[in-house]
Amino acid sequence: MITRLRSFFSGDAAAALPLLGATVLALVLANSPFGTSVQGALHAVLGGTVLGLDLAKTVEHWINDGLMVIFFLLVGMEIKREVVEGELAQLSTIALPVAGAVGGIVLPAAIYVAFTWRDPVALHGWAIPSATDIAFAVAVLSALGKRVPLGLKLFLLTLAIVDDLAAILIIAIFYTSDLSALSLGLAAACLGGLLALNLAGVRRMLPYLLLGAVLWLCVLKSGVHATLSGVALAFLLPLKGGSEPREERGFLKLEHALKPWVSFLVMPVFAFANSGLDLAGITSSVIVHPVTLGIVAGLFFGKQFGVFAAAWALVRLGWARLPDGASWAQLYGVSACAGIGFTMSLFIGTLAFAGAGLEPMVRLGVLVASLLSAAVGYAVLRFVPPLSNNLRN
């Protein structure tokens, strides 16, 4: 387990570098003479009518509705693997991070609602501060090396997986538009086909991916967000079965093949398209807007206190224990890192406020809260004293 955990953390820490680079580049260009040209390119329309289907969308929409499907496919595969044969299959290890994840979803959402409840449009973004960006959070912990016990890294990893699963459910339930019965019916037929392939013992990934592409097209036209097709496909890919060794399984080969593409292409492109913020346009009205304040307060204060308080309560009730080698102060530091919301928070913001003109508030709030959370989490974990008996229970 330790070897696999270290491999996971080294991979996801490296993924934070291109993500950070794309974010910085987007901010630089947005505040340069090229800012208008970049926005023009992102809002250029690509596509047209194919087989009677209107597939004309802006470049930004193709990134968010198309390219991000690959990201959600990988997230779904990682969740399935952890549930079937990983840490989420062991009930004894998931109680504490699951409680932390629930606290880190409920309290940030409640804080955001407190700031925006008078504005029905702003209120629609209640889920924005409830997400954790695993790549950046892992990068902070990895930068601290052995100062962070492996038990705490496992806590953050499991919390982030549960957090992603919750975000997927939130998107499916709350962020859908007008539904098309025909498209949903065709999508259901595709899901039935994927299930039939699985039950028939088909282990090659190509038939699943081809049918998955049709599924994506159906979901794209259904009113349900297209990225959920990637999650559905992931859950129906065969993980076990056959006589091949574990490392030869098609599922694991596909997961390993997708990871560098997601880390070095999909996530950076998404970050570039959605994090550009013209600082000259940041007026006092943007800074004190309820959406901005709700996101900052929810992500920074709500996330860390929600995660820590829920975990603290579970330990005090005797239903769980602190991770091996961890102190309360270190658990608080990791809880602060959970407030780095970046990728998923920005993504939910694009769904919540499509065409509402609130993108600057979302981007400013997410960037500020994520930077504050990273700084506090790093400082606590860097300077916390060594574990002693009185820091445990």
Protein backbone atom coordinates (compact mmCIF):
# COMPACT_ATOMS: atom_id res chain seq x y z
CA MET A 1 0.00 0.00 0.00
CA ILE A 2 2.80 2.42 0.92
CA THR A 3 4.53 1.93 -2.44
CA ARG A 4 1.30 2.56 -4.35
CA LEU A 5 0.52 5.59 -2.21
CA ARG A 6 3.94 7.11 -2.83
CA SER A 7 3.56 6.48 -6.56
CA PHE A 8 0.15 8.17 -6.57
CA PHE A 9 1.43 11.21 -4.73
CA SER A 10 4.52 11.64 -6.91
CA GLY A 11 2.34 11.48 -10.04
CA ASP A 12 -0.30 13.92 -8.84
CA ALA A 13 2.27 16.33 -7.43
CA ALA A 14 3.91 16.48 -10.86
CA ALA A 15 0.49 17.13 -12.41
CA ALA A 16 0.24 20.36 -10.44
CA LEU A 17 3.16 21.92 -12.34
CA PRO A 18 1.56 22.18 -15.81
CA LEU A 19 -1.73 23.14 -14.15
CA LEU A 20 0.00 25.97 -12.30
CA GLY A 21 1.88 27.00 -15.45
CA ALA A 22 -1.32 27.17 -17.49
CA THR A 23 -3.01 29.23 -14.79
CA VAL A 24 -0.14 31.72 -14.62
CA LEU A 25 -0.03 31.97 -18.42
CA ALA A 26 -3.79 32.62 -18.55
CA LEU A 27 -3.47 35.39 -15.95
CA VAL A 28 -0.48 36.98 -17.73
CA LEU A 29 -2.18 36.96 -21.14
CA ALA A 30 -5.47 38.24 -19.70
CA ASN A 31 -3.58 41.28 -18.41
CA SER A 32 -1.58 41.87 -21.60
CA PRO A 33 -2.39 43.35 -25.01
CA PHE A 34 -3.17 39.77 -26.14
CA GLY A 35 -6.06 39.38 -23.69
CA THR A 36 -8.75 40.34 -26.19
CA SER A 37 -7.33 38.00 -28.84
CA VAL A 38 -7.26 35.07 -26.39
CA GLN A 39 -10.88 35.66 -25.40
CA GLY A 40 -11.82 35.95 -29.06
CA ALA A 41 -10.19 32.60 -29.80
CA LEU A 42 -11.92 30.92 -26.85
CA HIS A 43 -15.31 32.22 -27.97
CA ALA A 44 -14.84 31.32 -31.63
CA VAL A 45 -17.47 28.84 -32.84
CA LEU A 46 -16.38 25.43 -34.11
CA GLY A 47 -18.53 22.73 -35.68
CA GLY A 48 -21.85 22.76 -37.41
CA THR A 49 -24.75 20.44 -38.23
CA VAL A 50 -23.79 16.75 -38.45
CA LEU A 51 -26.48 14.14 -39.26
CA GLY A 52 -29.12 16.64 -38.22
CA LEU A 53 -27.40 17.39 -34.90
CA ASP A 54 -26.39 20.93 -34.05
CA LEU A 55 -22.78 20.60 -32.91
CA ALA A 56 -21.77 24.23 -33.23
CA LYS A 57 -20.11 25.31 -29.96
CA THR A 58 -17.44 27.75 -28.88
CA VAL A 59 -13.90 26.54 -28.29
CA GLU A 60 -14.44 27.10 -24.57
CA HIS A 61 -17.54 24.90 -24.63
CA TRP A 62 -15.72 22.13 -26.51
CA ILE A 63 -13.04 22.21 -23.82
CA ASN A 64 -15.58 22.10 -20.97
CA ASP A 65 -18.05 19.68 -22.59
CA GLY A 66 -15.66 17.59 -24.66
CA LEU A 67 -12.08 17.58 -23.46
CA MET A 68 -13.09 17.42 -19.80
CA VAL A 69 -14.90 14.13 -20.47
CA ILE A 70 -11.45 12.51 -20.48
CA PHE A 71 -10.75 14.03 -17.06
CA PHE A 72 -14.02 12.65 -15.68
CA LEU A 73 -13.37 9.26 -17.28
CA LEU A 74 -10.07 9.06 -15.40
CA VAL A 75 -11.67 10.28 -12.15
CA GLY A 76 -14.39 7.64 -12.51
CA MET A 77 -11.82 4.92 -13.16
CA GLU A 78 -9.81 5.91 -10.09
CA ILE A 79 -12.94 5.89 -7.95
CA LYS A 80 -13.99 2.48 -9.26
CA ARG A 81 -10.55 0.98 -8.68
CA GLU A 82 -10.41 2.33 -5.13
CA VAL A 83 -13.92 1.05 -4.37
CA VAL A 84 -13.32 -2.42 -5.84
CA GLU A 85 -9.81 -3.18 -4.63
CA GLY A 86 -8.31 -0.05 -3.04
CA GLU A 87 -8.64 1.98 0.12
CA LEU A 88 -12.39 2.58 -0.30
CA ALA A 89 -12.91 -1.19 -0.16
CA GLN A 90 -11.68 -1.21 3.46
CA LEU A 91 -14.42 0.18 5.69
CA SER A 92 -12.04 0.55 8.62
CA THR A 93 -9.92 3.11 6.75
CA ILE A 94 -12.63 5.28 5.21
CA ALA A 95 -14.78 6.38 8.16
CA LEU A 96 -12.58 9.37 9.09
CA PRO A 97 -11.99 10.76 5.57
CA VAL A 98 -15.64 10.17 4.59
CA ALA A 99 -16.75 12.17 7.64
CA GLY A 100 -14.22 14.87 6.75
CA ALA A 101 -15.46 14.94 3.16
CA VAL A 102 -19.09 15.34 4.27
CA GLY A 103 -18.17 18.16 6.66
CA GLY A 104 -16.08 19.75 3.91
CA ILE A 105 -19.07 19.75 1.57
CA VAL A 106 -21.88 20.80 3.89
CA LEU A 107 -20.24 23.69 5.77
CA PRO A 108 -18.75 25.48 2.71
CA ALA A 109 -22.11 25.22 0.92
CA ALA A 110 -23.92 26.60 3.98
CA ILE A 111 -21.50 29.53 4.26
CA TYR A 112 -21.89 30.32 0.57
CA VAL A 113 -25.69 30.23 0.89
CA ALA A 114 -25.47 32.64 3.84
CA PHE A 115 -23.73 35.17 1.57
CA THR A 116 -25.97 34.72 -1.48
CA TRP A 117 -29.43 33.70 -0.29
CA ARG A 118 -30.99 37.01 -1.40
CA ASP A 119 -29.89 36.48 -5.03
CA PRO A 120 -31.43 33.43 -6.80
CA VAL A 121 -28.83 33.54 -9.60
CA ALA A 122 -25.86 33.75 -7.23
CA LEU A 123 -27.40 31.06 -5.02
CA HIS A 124 -27.16 28.60 -7.90
CA GLY A 125 -23.40 28.40 -7.31
CA TRP A 126 -23.74 26.89 -3.82
CA ALA A 127 -21.60 23.86 -4.73
CA ILE A 128 -18.58 25.86 -5.97
CA PRO A 129 -16.73 25.99 -2.61
CA SER A 130 -17.39 22.31 -1.82
CA ALA A 131 -14.68 20.83 -4.07
CA THR A 132 -11.03 19.91 -3.45
CA ASP A 133 -8.37 19.96 -6.18
CA ILE A 134 -6.35 16.81 -5.55
CA ALA A 135 -3.42 17.81 -7.79
CA PHE A 136 -2.64 21.05 -5.97
CA ALA A 137 -3.42 19.65 -2.51
CA VAL A 138 -1.12 16.69 -3.14
CA ALA A 139 1.60 19.02 -4.42
CA VAL A 140 1.57 20.94 -1.12
CA LEU A 141 1.90 17.74 0.91
CA SER A 142 4.57 16.33 -1.39
CA ALA A 143 6.63 19.52 -1.04
CA LEU A 144 6.76 18.83 2.70
CA GLY A 145 8.18 15.34 2.24
CA LYS A 146 8.40 13.23 5.39
CA ARG A 147 7.00 16.01 7.58
CA VAL A 148 3.56 14.69 6.64
CA PRO A 149 2.89 11.10 7.83
CA LEU A 150 1.73 8.65 5.18
CA GLY A 151 -1.44 8.13 7.18
CA LEU A 152 -2.39 11.78 6.66
CA LYS A 153 -1.60 11.57 2.95
CA LEU A 154 -3.91 8.57 2.72
CA PHE A 155 -6.56 10.58 4.62
CA LEU A 156 -6.33 13.39 2.04
CA LEU A 157 -6.35 10.98 -0.89
CA THR A 158 -9.46 9.17 0.34
CA LEU A 159 -11.18 12.46 1.22
CA ALA A 160 -10.50 13.80 -2.28
CA ILE A 161 -11.89 10.65 -3.92
CA VAL A 162 -15.10 10.87 -1.87
CA ASP A 163 -15.20 14.60 -2.62
CA ASP A 164 -14.96 13.92 -6.37
CA LEU A 165 -17.73 11.33 -6.17
CA ALA A 166 -19.94 13.83 -4.35
CA ALA A 167 -19.17 16.51 -6.96
CA ILE A 168 -20.18 14.10 -9.72
CA LEU A 169 -23.50 13.42 -8.01
CA ILE A 170 -24.09 17.15 -7.43
CA ILE A 171 -23.46 17.90 -11.10
CA ALA A 172 -25.79 15.09 -12.19
CA ILE A 173 -28.62 16.14 -9.87
CA PHE A 174 -28.44 19.93 -9.69
CA TYR A 175 -26.65 21.18 -12.82
CA THR A 176 -28.72 19.92 -15.72
CA SER A 177 -30.70 21.87 -18.30
CA ASP A 178 -33.88 20.99 -20.21
CA LEU A 179 -33.88 17.25 -20.78
CA SER A 180 -34.38 15.50 -24.12
CA ALA A 181 -36.29 12.23 -23.71
CA LEU A 182 -34.99 10.88 -27.04
CA SER A 183 -31.34 11.59 -26.25
CA LEU A 184 -31.72 10.17 -22.74
CA GLY A 185 -33.29 7.03 -24.20
CA LEU A 186 -30.42 6.59 -26.62
CA ALA A 187 -27.94 7.18 -23.79
CA ALA A 188 -29.70 4.49 -21.74
CA ALA A 189 -29.40 2.12 -24.71
CA CYS A 190 -25.66 2.84 -24.85
CA LEU A 191 -25.36 2.10 -21.13
CA GLY A 192 -27.22 -1.17 -21.71
CA GLY A 193 -24.76 -2.01 -24.48
CA LEU A 194 -21.79 -1.30 -22.22
CA LEU A 195 -23.28 -3.48 -19.50
CA ALA A 196 -23.90 -6.27 -22.02
CA LEU A 197 -20.26 -6.14 -23.13
CA ASN A 198 -19.19 -6.40 -19.50
CA LEU A 199 -21.49 -9.33 -18.75
CA ALA A 200 -20.36 -11.08 -21.93
CA GLY A 201 -16.80 -11.04 -20.62
CA VAL A 202 -15.38 -8.62 -23.20
CA ARG A 203 -12.08 -7.37 -21.78
CA ARG A 204 -10.70 -5.30 -24.67
CA MET A 205 -11.15 -1.60 -24.11
CA LEU A 206 -11.74 -0.55 -27.75
CA PRO A 207 -15.42 -1.69 -28.00
CA TYR A 208 -16.19 0.12 -24.76
CA LEU A 209 -14.49 3.32 -25.94
CA LEU A 210 -16.31 3.30 -29.28
CA LEU A 211 -19.69 2.84 -27.60
CA GLY A 212 -18.60 5.40 -25.00
CA ALA A 213 -18.09 7.97 -27.77
CA VAL A 214 -21.70 7.42 -28.90
CA LEU A 215 -22.80 7.70 -25.27
CA TRP A 216 -21.00 11.04 -24.96
CA LEU A 217 -22.80 12.39 -28.05
CA CYS A 218 -26.19 11.29 -26.69
CA VAL A 219 -25.54 12.83 -23.28
CA LEU A 220 -24.24 16.01 -24.94
CA LYS A 221 -27.66 16.49 -26.56
CA SER A 222 -29.69 15.24 -23.58
CA GLY A 223 -29.47 18.22 -21.22
CA VAL A 224 -27.39 16.28 -18.69
CA HIS A 225 -23.83 17.58 -18.65
CA ALA A 226 -21.74 15.66 -21.17
CA THR A 227 -18.85 15.02 -18.76
CA LEU A 228 -21.03 12.59 -16.81
CA SER A 229 -20.82 10.21 -19.75
CA GLY A 230 -17.14 9.77 -18.90
CA VAL A 231 -18.01 8.74 -15.33
CA ALA A 232 -20.72 6.34 -16.52
CA LEU A 233 -18.31 4.75 -18.99
CA ALA A 234 -15.66 4.36 -16.29
CA PHE A 235 -18.04 2.56 -13.94
CA LEU A 236 -18.98 0.06 -16.69
CA LEU A 237 -15.43 -0.76 -17.80
CA PRO A 238 -14.36 -4.27 -16.69
CA LEU A 239 -11.77 -4.07 -13.91
CA LYS A 240 -11.51 -7.71 -12.94
CA GLY A 241 -11.85 -10.96 -14.82
CA GLY A 242 -9.86 -12.92 -17.36
CA SER A 243 -6.65 -14.81 -16.78
CA GLU A 244 -4.22 -11.97 -17.45
CA PRO A 245 -1.97 -10.73 -14.61
CA ARG A 246 -3.15 -7.60 -12.80
CA GLU A 247 -0.63 -5.34 -14.55
CA GLU A 248 -1.86 -6.60 -17.93
CA ARG A 249 -5.50 -5.74 -17.38
CA GLY A 250 -6.94 -3.45 -20.03
CA PHE A 251 -8.58 -1.27 -17.37
CA LEU A 252 -5.29 -0.49 -15.64
CA LYS A 253 -3.46 -0.02 -18.93
CA LEU A 254 -6.09 2.49 -20.05
CA GLU A 255 -5.94 4.30 -16.70
CA HIS A 256 -2.16 4.59 -16.88
CA ALA A 257 -2.35 5.72 -20.52
CA LEU A 258 -4.92 8.42 -19.74
CA LYS A 259 -3.16 9.89 -16.71
CA PRO A 260 -0.36 11.79 -18.53
CA TRP A 261 -2.83 13.12 -21.11
CA VAL A 262 -5.10 14.39 -18.36
CA SER A 263 -2.23 15.80 -16.29
CA PHE A 264 -0.30 17.48 -19.10
CA LEU A 265 -3.03 18.37 -21.60
CA VAL A 266 -6.64 18.22 -20.41
CA MET A 267 -6.28 19.94 -17.03
CA PRO A 268 -3.84 22.64 -18.20
CA VAL A 269 -6.02 23.46 -21.23
CA PHE A 270 -9.07 23.67 -18.99
CA ALA A 271 -7.19 25.88 -16.52
CA PHE A 272 -5.99 28.15 -19.32
CA ALA A 273 -9.52 28.53 -20.72
CA ASN A 274 -11.21 29.16 -17.37
CA SER A 275 -8.77 30.98 -15.07
CA GLY A 276 -7.84 34.06 -17.09
CA LEU A 277 -8.73 37.08 -14.98
CA ASP A 278 -8.33 40.69 -16.13
CA LEU A 279 -7.05 42.38 -12.96
CA ALA A 280 -7.86 45.80 -14.40
CA GLY A 281 -11.51 44.79 -14.29
CA ILE A 282 -11.39 43.84 -10.62
CA THR A 283 -13.36 46.68 -9.10
CA SER A 284 -14.58 47.01 -5.54
CA SER A 285 -17.98 45.73 -6.67
CA VAL A 286 -16.37 42.50 -7.90
CA ILE A 287 -14.35 42.08 -4.69
CA VAL A 288 -17.31 42.54 -2.34
CA HIS A 289 -19.81 40.71 -4.56
CA PRO A 290 -21.67 37.99 -2.61
CA VAL A 291 -20.42 35.31 -5.03
CA THR A 292 -16.78 36.31 -4.48
CA LEU A 293 -17.14 36.55 -0.71
CA GLY A 294 -19.18 33.36 -0.51
CA ILE A 295 -16.58 31.37 -2.44
CA VAL A 296 -13.64 32.75 -0.44
CA ALA A 297 -15.35 32.22 2.92
CA GLY A 298 -16.72 28.82 1.90
CA LEU A 299 -13.52 27.41 0.45
CA PHE A 300 -11.06 28.91 2.91
CA PHE A 301 -12.95 28.87 6.22
CA GLY A 302 -15.73 26.39 5.51
CA LYS A 303 -13.59 23.68 3.98
CA GLN A 304 -10.89 23.56 6.64
CA PHE A 305 -13.27 23.83 9.60
CA GLY A 306 -15.82 21.48 8.06
CA VAL A 307 -13.24 18.75 7.41
CA PHE A 308 -11.48 19.19 10.76
CA ALA A 309 -14.63 19.45 12.89
CA ALA A 310 -16.23 16.36 11.36
CA ALA A 311 -13.03 14.34 11.80
CA TRP A 312 -12.58 15.63 15.37
CA ALA A 313 -16.14 14.66 16.28
CA LEU A 314 -15.73 11.14 14.91
CA VAL A 315 -12.51 10.59 16.89
CA ARG A 316 -13.96 12.04 20.08
CA LEU A 317 -17.01 9.79 19.76
CA GLY A 318 -14.67 6.81 19.51
CA TRP A 319 -15.84 5.84 16.02
CA ALA A 320 -12.45 6.45 14.41
CA ARG A 321 -8.88 7.33 15.34
CA LEU A 322 -6.29 9.75 14.09
CA PRO A 323 -4.11 8.49 11.22
CA ASP A 324 -0.94 6.76 12.37
CA GLY A 325 1.78 9.20 13.35
CA ALA A 326 -0.46 12.25 13.00
CA SER A 327 -1.24 15.00 15.51
CA TRP A 328 -4.33 17.21 15.68
CA ALA A 329 -2.30 20.14 14.41
CA GLN A 330 -1.19 18.15 11.37
CA LEU A 331 -4.76 17.05 10.70
CA TYR A 332 -5.76 20.71 10.78
CA GLY A 333 -3.00 21.54 8.27
CA VAL A 334 -4.26 18.87 5.87
CA SER A 335 -7.83 20.11 6.39
CA ALA A 336 -6.67 23.58 5.32
CA CYS A 337 -5.15 22.08 2.15
CA ALA A 338 -8.59 20.65 1.33
CA GLY A 339 -9.65 24.25 0.68
CA ILE A 340 -7.63 24.30 -2.54
CA GLY A 341 -10.64 24.01 -4.82
CA PHE A 342 -9.29 25.08 -8.21
CA THR A 343 -10.20 22.67 -11.05
CA MET A 344 -13.53 21.25 -9.86
CA SER A 345 -14.63 24.57 -8.31
CA LEU A 346 -14.00 26.43 -11.57
CA PHE A 347 -15.78 23.68 -13.48
CA ILE A 348 -18.88 23.84 -11.29
CA GLY A 349 -18.77 27.64 -11.66
CA THR A 350 -18.98 27.30 -15.46
CA LEU A 351 -22.10 25.14 -15.03
CA ALA A 352 -23.75 27.29 -12.38
CA PHE A 353 -23.32 30.67 -14.09
CA ALA A 354 -23.28 29.95 -17.82
CA GLY A 355 -24.09 33.27 -19.50
CA ALA A 356 -24.70 35.07 -16.18
CA GLY A 357 -21.61 37.28 -16.38
CA LEU A 358 -20.29 36.13 -13.00
CA GLU A 359 -17.08 34.50 -14.27
CA PRO A 360 -14.78 37.21 -12.77
CA MET A 361 -16.29 36.67 -9.31
CA VAL A 362 -15.90 32.90 -9.57
CA ARG A 363 -12.31 33.08 -10.80
CA LEU A 364 -11.27 35.68 -8.24
CA GLY A 365 -12.93 33.82 -5.37
CA VAL A 366 -11.48 30.44 -6.30
CA LEU A 367 -7.96 31.80 -6.88
CA VAL A 368 -7.87 33.79 -3.62
CA ALA A 369 -9.33 31.01 -1.50
CA SER A 370 -7.07 28.35 -3.03
CA LEU A 371 -3.94 30.46 -2.49
CA LEU A 372 -4.90 31.20 1.11
CA SER A 373 -5.68 27.54 1.80
CA ALA A 374 -2.38 26.40 0.28
CA ALA A 375 -0.41 28.98 2.27
CA VAL A 376 -2.04 28.17 5.60
CA GLY A 377 -1.90 24.41 5.06
CA TYR A 378 1.77 24.54 4.10
CA ALA A 379 2.68 26.83 7.02
CA VAL A 380 0.93 24.66 9.60
CA LEU A 381 2.45 21.43 8.31
CA ARG A 382 5.89 23.02 7.88
CA PHE A 383 6.18 24.52 11.34
CA VAL A 384 4.06 22.23 13.51
CA PRO A 385 6.15 20.70 16.34
CA PRO A 386 6.93 16.96 16.33
CA LEU A 387 4.17 14.65 17.46
CA SER A 388 4.02 14.05 21.20
CA ASN A 389 1.66 12.03 23.26
CA ASN A 390 -0.37 15.01 24.41
CA LEU A 391 -1.11 15.95 20.81
CA ARG A 392 -2.85 12.69 20.14
CA ASN A 393 -6.28 11.87 21.56
